[in-house]
Amino acid sequence: MKELTDPQIRASFVNCTKGEASRLAVPRDLSELPWEDLDFLGWRDPGAPQRSYIVAEHEGRLVGFSLRLAPRTGNSYHRAMCSICLTTHPASGVTLMTARKARETGNSDDTVGEYICSNLACSLYVRGKKRAQPGGRLKESLTEEEKVERMKTKLADFLNKLF
């Protein structure tokens, strides 16, 4: 992914108002991020722990989505798998994140959800730059490039549901 600026990130959001996008907490360390290893920019809002954000190149344009984390229920000792990168985590490492559909196609009641790594570090897990403990990635015969392509496809499928 190419390095993004604060204004580019804020202008990319398609499921919130310009006012909401201007107030969201963009990461302060943008220049320090490993852009060459990222396929999308994902982060949690430190001031609102139930919110997270994804910004990605999708169908030739930069799009951003505000997501909400679903409340946790049930057994916290089981393992869960991210539906984007297929990394397994203890239950707290994967969260159901829901997003309103894009403004031009949905209304405020139209939402889509996906189980995603809680820290949104899918790109780093797939490339082996970050490890989930314990367990992590299942052994696969795919190359790293094939895993990255699969992750990009799964992310695109999720984003397609939001339009």
N, C-alpha and C. Protein backbone atom coordinates (compact mmCIF):
# COMPACT_ATOMS: atom_id res chain seq x y z
N MET A 1 0.86 -1.17 0.00
CA MET A 1 0.00 0.00 0.00
C MET A 1 0.90 1.23 0.00
N LYS A 2 0.48 2.26 -0.72
CA LYS A 2 1.28 3.49 -0.71
C LYS A 2 0.95 4.30 0.55
N GLU A 3 1.92 5.06 0.99
CA GLU A 3 1.75 5.84 2.22
C GLU A 3 0.62 6.86 2.04
N LEU A 4 -0.21 6.97 3.06
CA LEU A 4 -1.36 7.88 3.03
C LEU A 4 -1.16 9.02 4.01
N THR A 5 -1.80 10.13 3.70
CA THR A 5 -1.77 11.29 4.59
C THR A 5 -3.09 11.39 5.34
N ASP A 6 -3.09 12.18 6.38
CA ASP A 6 -4.30 12.40 7.18
C ASP A 6 -5.45 12.90 6.31
N PRO A 7 -5.25 13.92 5.45
CA PRO A 7 -6.37 14.37 4.60
C PRO A 7 -6.88 13.30 3.63
N GLN A 8 -5.98 12.49 3.07
CA GLN A 8 -6.41 11.42 2.17
C GLN A 8 -7.28 10.40 2.93
N ILE A 9 -6.85 10.06 4.12
CA ILE A 9 -7.59 9.09 4.93
C ILE A 9 -8.98 9.62 5.24
N ARG A 10 -9.06 10.85 5.73
CA ARG A 10 -10.36 11.43 6.11
C ARG A 10 -11.30 11.56 4.90
N ALA A 11 -10.75 11.90 3.75
CA ALA A 11 -11.57 12.07 2.54
C ALA A 11 -12.07 10.74 1.98
N SER A 12 -11.47 9.64 2.40
CA SER A 12 -11.82 8.33 1.84
C SER A 12 -13.09 7.72 2.42
N PHE A 13 -13.56 8.21 3.56
CA PHE A 13 -14.67 7.53 4.25
C PHE A 13 -15.98 7.68 3.49
N VAL A 14 -16.62 6.52 3.27
CA VAL A 14 -17.84 6.50 2.48
C VAL A 14 -19.07 6.09 3.30
N ASN A 15 -18.90 5.74 4.56
CA ASN A 15 -20.06 5.35 5.35
C ASN A 15 -20.28 6.23 6.57
N CYS A 16 -19.72 7.42 6.53
CA CYS A 16 -19.98 8.39 7.59
C CYS A 16 -19.96 9.79 6.97
N THR A 17 -20.46 10.75 7.72
CA THR A 17 -20.51 12.11 7.21
C THR A 17 -19.12 12.74 7.20
N LYS A 18 -18.98 13.84 6.48
CA LYS A 18 -17.70 14.56 6.47
C LYS A 18 -17.35 15.03 7.87
N GLY A 19 -18.35 15.43 8.64
CA GLY A 19 -18.11 15.86 10.02
C GLY A 19 -17.58 14.73 10.88
N GLU A 20 -18.19 13.54 10.74
CA GLU A 20 -17.70 12.38 11.48
C GLU A 20 -16.28 12.02 11.06
N ALA A 21 -16.02 12.07 9.77
CA ALA A 21 -14.67 11.75 9.27
C ALA A 21 -13.65 12.77 9.77
N SER A 22 -14.05 14.02 9.91
CA SER A 22 -13.10 15.04 10.38
C SER A 22 -12.78 14.87 11.86
N ARG A 23 -13.66 14.21 12.60
CA ARG A 23 -13.44 14.04 14.04
C ARG A 23 -12.81 12.70 14.43
N LEU A 24 -12.74 11.75 13.51
CA LEU A 24 -12.21 10.44 13.91
C LEU A 24 -10.72 10.52 14.19
N ALA A 25 -10.25 9.60 15.01
CA ALA A 25 -8.86 9.58 15.45
C ALA A 25 -7.99 8.83 14.44
N VAL A 26 -7.28 9.56 13.61
CA VAL A 26 -6.35 8.96 12.64
C VAL A 26 -5.05 8.64 13.38
N PRO A 27 -4.40 7.51 13.08
CA PRO A 27 -3.14 7.20 13.76
C PRO A 27 -2.14 8.35 13.63
N ARG A 28 -1.45 8.63 14.71
CA ARG A 28 -0.47 9.74 14.74
C ARG A 28 0.85 9.34 14.09
N ASP A 29 1.12 8.05 14.03
CA ASP A 29 2.41 7.56 13.56
C ASP A 29 2.39 7.12 12.10
N LEU A 30 1.65 7.81 11.25
CA LEU A 30 1.51 7.40 9.85
C LEU A 30 2.85 7.22 9.16
N SER A 31 3.80 8.09 9.41
CA SER A 31 5.09 8.01 8.72
C SER A 31 5.92 6.81 9.19
N GLU A 32 5.57 6.23 10.32
CA GLU A 32 6.33 5.10 10.87
C GLU A 32 5.73 3.74 10.54
N LEU A 33 4.59 3.71 9.88
CA LEU A 33 3.93 2.44 9.58
C LEU A 33 4.67 1.69 8.48
N PRO A 34 4.64 0.35 8.50
CA PRO A 34 5.32 -0.45 7.46
C PRO A 34 4.47 -0.53 6.19
N TRP A 35 4.32 0.59 5.49
CA TRP A 35 3.43 0.69 4.34
C TRP A 35 3.67 -0.39 3.30
N GLU A 36 4.93 -0.76 3.08
CA GLU A 36 5.23 -1.77 2.05
C GLU A 36 4.66 -3.14 2.41
N ASP A 37 4.34 -3.37 3.68
CA ASP A 37 3.78 -4.64 4.13
C ASP A 37 2.27 -4.57 4.37
N LEU A 38 1.65 -3.43 4.11
CA LEU A 38 0.22 -3.28 4.37
C LEU A 38 -0.58 -3.35 3.07
N ASP A 39 -1.68 -4.06 3.13
CA ASP A 39 -2.62 -4.11 2.01
C ASP A 39 -3.81 -3.23 2.28
N PHE A 40 -3.99 -2.85 3.54
CA PHE A 40 -5.00 -1.89 3.96
C PHE A 40 -4.54 -1.29 5.27
N LEU A 41 -5.03 -0.11 5.56
CA LEU A 41 -4.74 0.54 6.82
C LEU A 41 -5.92 0.26 7.75
N GLY A 42 -5.65 -0.38 8.85
CA GLY A 42 -6.69 -0.67 9.82
C GLY A 42 -6.22 -0.27 11.21
N TRP A 43 -7.11 0.34 12.00
CA TRP A 43 -6.74 0.73 13.35
C TRP A 43 -7.97 0.83 14.24
N ARG A 44 -7.70 0.73 15.54
CA ARG A 44 -8.73 0.89 16.56
C ARG A 44 -8.66 2.32 17.07
N ASP A 45 -9.80 2.87 17.44
CA ASP A 45 -9.86 4.23 17.96
C ASP A 45 -9.50 4.19 19.45
N PRO A 46 -8.37 4.80 19.85
CA PRO A 46 -7.97 4.73 21.25
C PRO A 46 -8.94 5.44 22.19
N GLY A 47 -9.67 6.43 21.68
CA GLY A 47 -10.63 7.16 22.52
C GLY A 47 -12.01 6.53 22.55
N ALA A 48 -12.26 5.60 21.65
CA ALA A 48 -13.55 4.92 21.59
C ALA A 48 -13.28 3.46 21.24
N PRO A 49 -12.96 2.63 22.22
CA PRO A 49 -12.53 1.26 21.97
C PRO A 49 -13.51 0.38 21.20
N GLN A 50 -14.76 0.79 21.10
CA GLN A 50 -15.74 0.01 20.33
C GLN A 50 -15.73 0.37 18.85
N ARG A 51 -14.83 1.27 18.43
CA ARG A 51 -14.74 1.69 17.03
C ARG A 51 -13.41 1.30 16.43
N SER A 52 -13.47 0.97 15.14
CA SER A 52 -12.26 0.72 14.38
C SER A 52 -12.49 1.23 12.96
N TYR A 53 -11.41 1.27 12.18
CA TYR A 53 -11.49 1.84 10.84
C TYR A 53 -10.64 1.03 9.88
N ILE A 54 -11.10 0.95 8.65
CA ILE A 54 -10.34 0.32 7.56
C ILE A 54 -10.33 1.29 6.39
N VAL A 55 -9.14 1.50 5.82
CA VAL A 55 -8.98 2.29 4.60
C VAL A 55 -8.21 1.41 3.62
N ALA A 56 -8.77 1.25 2.42
CA ALA A 56 -8.15 0.37 1.43
C ALA A 56 -8.40 0.88 0.03
N GLU A 57 -7.53 0.47 -0.87
CA GLU A 57 -7.73 0.70 -2.30
C GLU A 57 -8.77 -0.33 -2.74
N HIS A 58 -9.86 0.14 -3.36
CA HIS A 58 -10.92 -0.78 -3.77
C HIS A 58 -11.51 -0.30 -5.09
N GLU A 59 -11.42 -1.15 -6.08
CA GLU A 59 -11.93 -0.85 -7.42
C GLU A 59 -11.44 0.50 -7.93
N GLY A 60 -10.14 0.73 -7.76
CA GLY A 60 -9.51 1.92 -8.30
C GLY A 60 -9.63 3.19 -7.50
N ARG A 61 -10.20 3.09 -6.30
CA ARG A 61 -10.27 4.30 -5.47
C ARG A 61 -10.03 3.95 -4.01
N LEU A 62 -9.65 4.94 -3.26
CA LEU A 62 -9.40 4.78 -1.84
C LEU A 62 -10.73 4.90 -1.10
N VAL A 63 -11.07 3.88 -0.30
CA VAL A 63 -12.31 3.92 0.47
C VAL A 63 -12.01 3.63 1.93
N GLY A 64 -12.73 4.32 2.79
CA GLY A 64 -12.60 4.12 4.23
C GLY A 64 -13.95 3.77 4.81
N PHE A 65 -13.93 2.88 5.80
CA PHE A 65 -15.14 2.48 6.49
C PHE A 65 -14.93 2.55 7.99
N SER A 66 -15.90 3.12 8.65
CA SER A 66 -15.96 3.13 10.10
C SER A 66 -16.68 1.85 10.53
N LEU A 67 -16.11 1.13 11.49
CA LEU A 67 -16.69 -0.12 11.96
C LEU A 67 -16.97 -0.05 13.46
N ARG A 68 -17.91 -0.83 13.90
CA ARG A 68 -18.22 -0.97 15.32
C ARG A 68 -17.91 -2.39 15.74
N LEU A 69 -17.37 -2.53 16.92
CA LEU A 69 -17.07 -3.85 17.46
C LEU A 69 -18.29 -4.35 18.22
N ALA A 70 -18.70 -5.56 17.94
CA ALA A 70 -19.84 -6.16 18.63
C ALA A 70 -19.41 -6.50 20.06
N PRO A 71 -20.34 -6.42 21.00
CA PRO A 71 -20.01 -6.80 22.38
C PRO A 71 -19.64 -8.29 22.45
N ARG A 72 -18.73 -8.61 23.32
CA ARG A 72 -18.30 -10.00 23.49
C ARG A 72 -19.34 -10.77 24.30
N THR A 73 -19.58 -11.99 23.85
CA THR A 73 -20.47 -12.88 24.60
C THR A 73 -19.88 -14.28 24.59
N GLY A 74 -20.30 -15.10 25.50
CA GLY A 74 -19.91 -16.50 25.49
C GLY A 74 -18.55 -16.77 26.07
N ASN A 75 -18.02 -17.93 25.75
CA ASN A 75 -16.79 -18.45 26.29
C ASN A 75 -15.57 -17.72 25.72
N SER A 76 -14.76 -17.13 26.59
CA SER A 76 -13.59 -16.40 26.13
C SER A 76 -12.36 -17.30 26.01
N TYR A 77 -12.53 -18.62 26.20
CA TYR A 77 -11.39 -19.54 26.14
C TYR A 77 -11.27 -20.25 24.80
N HIS A 78 -12.25 -20.11 23.94
CA HIS A 78 -12.16 -20.78 22.64
C HIS A 78 -11.28 -19.99 21.69
N ARG A 79 -10.97 -20.60 20.57
CA ARG A 79 -10.18 -19.94 19.54
C ARG A 79 -11.10 -19.48 18.43
N ALA A 80 -10.68 -18.47 17.70
CA ALA A 80 -11.48 -17.94 16.60
C ALA A 80 -10.55 -17.65 15.43
N MET A 81 -11.13 -17.61 14.22
CA MET A 81 -10.34 -17.35 13.02
C MET A 81 -10.84 -16.10 12.33
N CYS A 82 -9.91 -15.26 11.93
CA CYS A 82 -10.23 -14.07 11.16
C CYS A 82 -10.71 -14.49 9.78
N SER A 83 -11.81 -13.92 9.33
CA SER A 83 -12.34 -14.29 8.02
C SER A 83 -11.62 -13.57 6.88
N ILE A 84 -10.76 -12.62 7.19
CA ILE A 84 -10.00 -11.90 6.16
C ILE A 84 -8.65 -12.58 5.89
N CYS A 85 -7.88 -12.85 6.96
CA CYS A 85 -6.53 -13.41 6.77
C CYS A 85 -6.39 -14.86 7.20
N LEU A 86 -7.43 -15.43 7.81
CA LEU A 86 -7.46 -16.81 8.26
C LEU A 86 -6.43 -17.11 9.35
N THR A 87 -6.12 -16.12 10.18
CA THR A 87 -5.25 -16.32 11.34
C THR A 87 -6.13 -16.70 12.51
N THR A 88 -5.70 -17.71 13.28
CA THR A 88 -6.45 -18.10 14.48
C THR A 88 -5.86 -17.39 15.69
N HIS A 89 -6.76 -17.03 16.61
CA HIS A 89 -6.38 -16.31 17.82
C HIS A 89 -7.17 -16.87 18.99
N PRO A 90 -6.71 -16.59 20.22
CA PRO A 90 -7.63 -16.78 21.34
C PRO A 90 -8.84 -15.89 21.06
N ALA A 91 -9.97 -16.20 21.65
CA ALA A 91 -11.22 -15.50 21.30
C ALA A 91 -11.10 -13.99 21.29
N SER A 92 -10.33 -13.41 22.19
CA SER A 92 -10.22 -11.95 22.24
C SER A 92 -9.45 -11.37 21.06
N GLY A 93 -8.79 -12.21 20.28
CA GLY A 93 -8.00 -11.74 19.15
C GLY A 93 -8.78 -11.57 17.86
N VAL A 94 -10.04 -12.02 17.85
CA VAL A 94 -10.91 -11.86 16.70
C VAL A 94 -12.22 -11.26 17.19
N THR A 95 -12.70 -10.25 16.48
CA THR A 95 -13.90 -9.53 16.89
C THR A 95 -14.86 -9.41 15.72
N LEU A 96 -16.15 -9.54 16.01
CA LEU A 96 -17.15 -9.24 15.00
C LEU A 96 -17.21 -7.73 14.85
N MET A 97 -16.87 -7.26 13.65
CA MET A 97 -16.91 -5.83 13.36
C MET A 97 -18.00 -5.59 12.33
N THR A 98 -18.84 -4.61 12.60
CA THR A 98 -19.94 -4.29 11.69
C THR A 98 -19.75 -2.88 11.16
N ALA A 99 -20.20 -2.69 9.93
CA ALA A 99 -20.09 -1.37 9.29
C ALA A 99 -21.41 -1.04 8.62
N ARG A 100 -21.78 0.22 8.70
CA ARG A 100 -22.92 0.69 7.90
C ARG A 100 -22.51 0.64 6.45
N LYS A 101 -23.47 0.38 5.59
CA LYS A 101 -23.19 0.42 4.16
C LYS A 101 -22.83 1.84 3.74
N ALA A 102 -22.20 1.95 2.58
CA ALA A 102 -21.82 3.26 2.05
C ALA A 102 -23.04 4.16 1.95
N ARG A 103 -22.85 5.44 2.19
CA ARG A 103 -23.96 6.40 2.21
C ARG A 103 -24.80 6.36 0.94
N GLU A 104 -24.13 6.22 -0.21
CA GLU A 104 -24.87 6.30 -1.47
C GLU A 104 -25.70 5.04 -1.75
N THR A 105 -25.47 3.94 -1.03
CA THR A 105 -26.20 2.71 -1.33
C THR A 105 -27.06 2.21 -0.19
N GLY A 106 -26.82 2.67 1.00
CA GLY A 106 -27.55 2.12 2.14
C GLY A 106 -28.16 3.20 2.99
N ASN A 107 -28.89 2.78 3.99
CA ASN A 107 -29.36 3.72 4.99
C ASN A 107 -28.72 3.34 6.31
N SER A 108 -29.01 4.08 7.34
CA SER A 108 -28.33 3.87 8.62
C SER A 108 -28.65 2.52 9.24
N ASP A 109 -29.68 1.83 8.75
CA ASP A 109 -30.03 0.52 9.29
C ASP A 109 -29.34 -0.63 8.54
N ASP A 110 -28.72 -0.37 7.40
CA ASP A 110 -28.07 -1.41 6.61
C ASP A 110 -26.64 -1.60 7.10
N THR A 111 -26.36 -2.76 7.71
CA THR A 111 -25.01 -3.04 8.19
C THR A 111 -24.57 -4.42 7.73
N VAL A 112 -23.25 -4.58 7.68
CA VAL A 112 -22.63 -5.85 7.31
C VAL A 112 -21.55 -6.12 8.34
N GLY A 113 -21.40 -7.38 8.74
CA GLY A 113 -20.40 -7.73 9.73
C GLY A 113 -19.45 -8.80 9.25
N GLU A 114 -18.28 -8.82 9.86
CA GLU A 114 -17.25 -9.80 9.52
C GLU A 114 -16.39 -10.02 10.77
N TYR A 115 -15.93 -11.25 10.97
CA TYR A 115 -14.99 -11.54 12.06
C TYR A 115 -13.59 -11.21 11.56
N ILE A 116 -12.95 -10.25 12.25
CA ILE A 116 -11.66 -9.72 11.80
C ILE A 116 -10.70 -9.69 12.99
N CYS A 117 -9.40 -9.81 12.71
CA CYS A 117 -8.39 -9.68 13.77
C CYS A 117 -8.65 -8.40 14.55
N SER A 118 -8.70 -8.49 15.86
CA SER A 118 -9.03 -7.34 16.71
C SER A 118 -8.08 -6.17 16.51
N ASN A 119 -6.82 -6.46 16.19
CA ASN A 119 -5.84 -5.39 15.99
C ASN A 119 -5.71 -4.97 14.53
N LEU A 120 -6.49 -5.60 13.64
CA LEU A 120 -6.51 -5.28 12.20
C LEU A 120 -5.13 -5.39 11.54
N ALA A 121 -4.30 -6.31 12.05
CA ALA A 121 -2.95 -6.50 11.52
C ALA A 121 -2.88 -7.67 10.53
N CYS A 122 -3.95 -7.92 9.81
CA CYS A 122 -4.03 -9.06 8.88
C CYS A 122 -2.85 -9.13 7.93
N SER A 123 -2.48 -8.01 7.33
CA SER A 123 -1.39 -7.98 6.36
C SER A 123 -0.08 -8.48 6.98
N LEU A 124 0.15 -8.10 8.22
CA LEU A 124 1.39 -8.50 8.89
C LEU A 124 1.37 -9.97 9.29
N TYR A 125 0.21 -10.49 9.67
CA TYR A 125 0.10 -11.93 9.98
C TYR A 125 0.37 -12.77 8.74
N VAL A 126 -0.24 -12.40 7.61
CA VAL A 126 -0.09 -13.17 6.38
C VAL A 126 1.36 -13.20 5.92
N ARG A 127 2.08 -12.12 6.13
CA ARG A 127 3.48 -12.03 5.70
C ARG A 127 4.46 -12.57 6.74
N GLY A 128 3.96 -13.02 7.89
CA GLY A 128 4.83 -13.54 8.94
C GLY A 128 5.57 -12.46 9.70
N LYS A 129 5.16 -11.20 9.57
CA LYS A 129 5.81 -10.08 10.27
C LYS A 129 5.30 -9.94 11.70
N LYS A 130 4.15 -10.55 11.96
CA LYS A 130 3.54 -10.53 13.28
C LYS A 130 2.99 -11.93 13.54
N ARG A 131 3.08 -12.39 14.77
CA ARG A 131 2.59 -13.73 15.11
C ARG A 131 1.48 -13.63 16.15
N ALA A 132 0.46 -14.45 15.95
CA ALA A 132 -0.61 -14.57 16.93
C ALA A 132 -0.20 -15.64 17.92
N GLN A 133 -0.40 -15.38 19.19
CA GLN A 133 -0.01 -16.34 20.20
C GLN A 133 -1.20 -16.76 21.02
N PRO A 134 -1.29 -17.98 21.43
CA PRO A 134 -0.61 -19.13 20.87
C PRO A 134 -1.31 -19.57 19.60
N GLY A 135 -0.68 -20.43 18.88
CA GLY A 135 -1.29 -20.94 17.65
C GLY A 135 -0.89 -20.12 16.46
N GLY A 136 -1.76 -19.24 16.02
CA GLY A 136 -1.44 -18.36 14.90
C GLY A 136 -1.94 -18.87 13.59
N ARG A 137 -1.06 -18.97 12.65
CA ARG A 137 -1.43 -19.36 11.29
C ARG A 137 -1.35 -20.88 11.15
N LEU A 138 -2.31 -21.44 10.46
CA LEU A 138 -2.29 -22.86 10.15
C LEU A 138 -1.26 -23.12 9.07
N LYS A 139 -0.66 -24.28 9.10
CA LYS A 139 0.32 -24.62 8.07
C LYS A 139 -0.41 -24.80 6.75
N GLU A 140 0.10 -24.13 5.71
CA GLU A 140 -0.51 -24.19 4.38
C GLU A 140 0.56 -24.42 3.33
N SER A 141 0.14 -24.94 2.19
CA SER A 141 1.08 -25.15 1.09
C SER A 141 1.14 -23.95 0.15
N LEU A 142 0.30 -22.92 0.39
CA LEU A 142 0.30 -21.73 -0.45
C LEU A 142 1.56 -20.90 -0.22
N THR A 143 1.99 -20.20 -1.25
CA THR A 143 3.11 -19.28 -1.10
C THR A 143 2.62 -18.03 -0.38
N GLU A 144 3.54 -17.23 0.08
CA GLU A 144 3.16 -15.97 0.73
C GLU A 144 2.35 -15.10 -0.22
N GLU A 145 2.76 -15.03 -1.48
CA GLU A 145 2.05 -14.22 -2.46
C GLU A 145 0.61 -14.71 -2.65
N GLU A 146 0.42 -16.02 -2.66
CA GLU A 146 -0.93 -16.58 -2.79
C GLU A 146 -1.78 -16.26 -1.56
N LYS A 147 -1.18 -16.31 -0.39
CA LYS A 147 -1.90 -15.96 0.84
C LYS A 147 -2.30 -14.49 0.83
N VAL A 148 -1.39 -13.64 0.37
CA VAL A 148 -1.68 -12.20 0.28
C VAL A 148 -2.83 -11.98 -0.70
N GLU A 149 -2.79 -12.63 -1.84
CA GLU A 149 -3.87 -12.48 -2.83
C GLU A 149 -5.20 -12.96 -2.28
N ARG A 150 -5.19 -14.08 -1.56
CA ARG A 150 -6.43 -14.58 -0.95
C ARG A 150 -6.97 -13.57 0.05
N MET A 151 -6.09 -13.00 0.87
CA MET A 151 -6.52 -12.01 1.85
C MET A 151 -7.11 -10.79 1.15
N LYS A 152 -6.46 -10.32 0.09
CA LYS A 152 -6.97 -9.17 -0.67
C LYS A 152 -8.36 -9.48 -1.25
N THR A 153 -8.53 -10.70 -1.74
CA THR A 153 -9.82 -11.10 -2.29
C THR A 153 -10.89 -11.12 -1.21
N LYS A 154 -10.56 -11.65 -0.04
CA LYS A 154 -11.53 -11.71 1.07
C LYS A 154 -11.88 -10.30 1.55
N LEU A 155 -10.89 -9.41 1.60
CA LEU A 155 -11.16 -8.03 1.97
C LEU A 155 -12.05 -7.37 0.92
N ALA A 156 -11.74 -7.58 -0.36
CA ALA A 156 -12.56 -7.00 -1.43
C ALA A 156 -14.00 -7.52 -1.36
N ASP A 157 -14.17 -8.80 -1.05
CA ASP A 157 -15.51 -9.37 -0.91
C ASP A 157 -16.27 -8.67 0.22
N PHE A 158 -15.60 -8.42 1.33
CA PHE A 158 -16.24 -7.71 2.46
C PHE A 158 -16.60 -6.29 2.04
N LEU A 159 -15.68 -5.60 1.38
CA LEU A 159 -15.94 -4.22 0.96
C LEU A 159 -17.07 -4.18 -0.08
N ASN A 160 -17.13 -5.17 -0.96
CA ASN A 160 -18.21 -5.23 -1.95
C ASN A 160 -19.58 -5.31 -1.27
N LYS A 161 -19.66 -6.01 -0.16
CA LYS A 161 -20.92 -6.12 0.59
C LYS A 161 -21.35 -4.78 1.17
N LEU A 162 -20.37 -3.87 1.35
CA LEU A 162 -20.67 -2.58 1.95
C LEU A 162 -21.09 -1.52 0.93
N PHE A 163 -21.08 -1.87 -0.34
CA PHE A 163 -21.52 -0.94 -1.39
C PHE A 163 -22.87 -1.34 -1.92
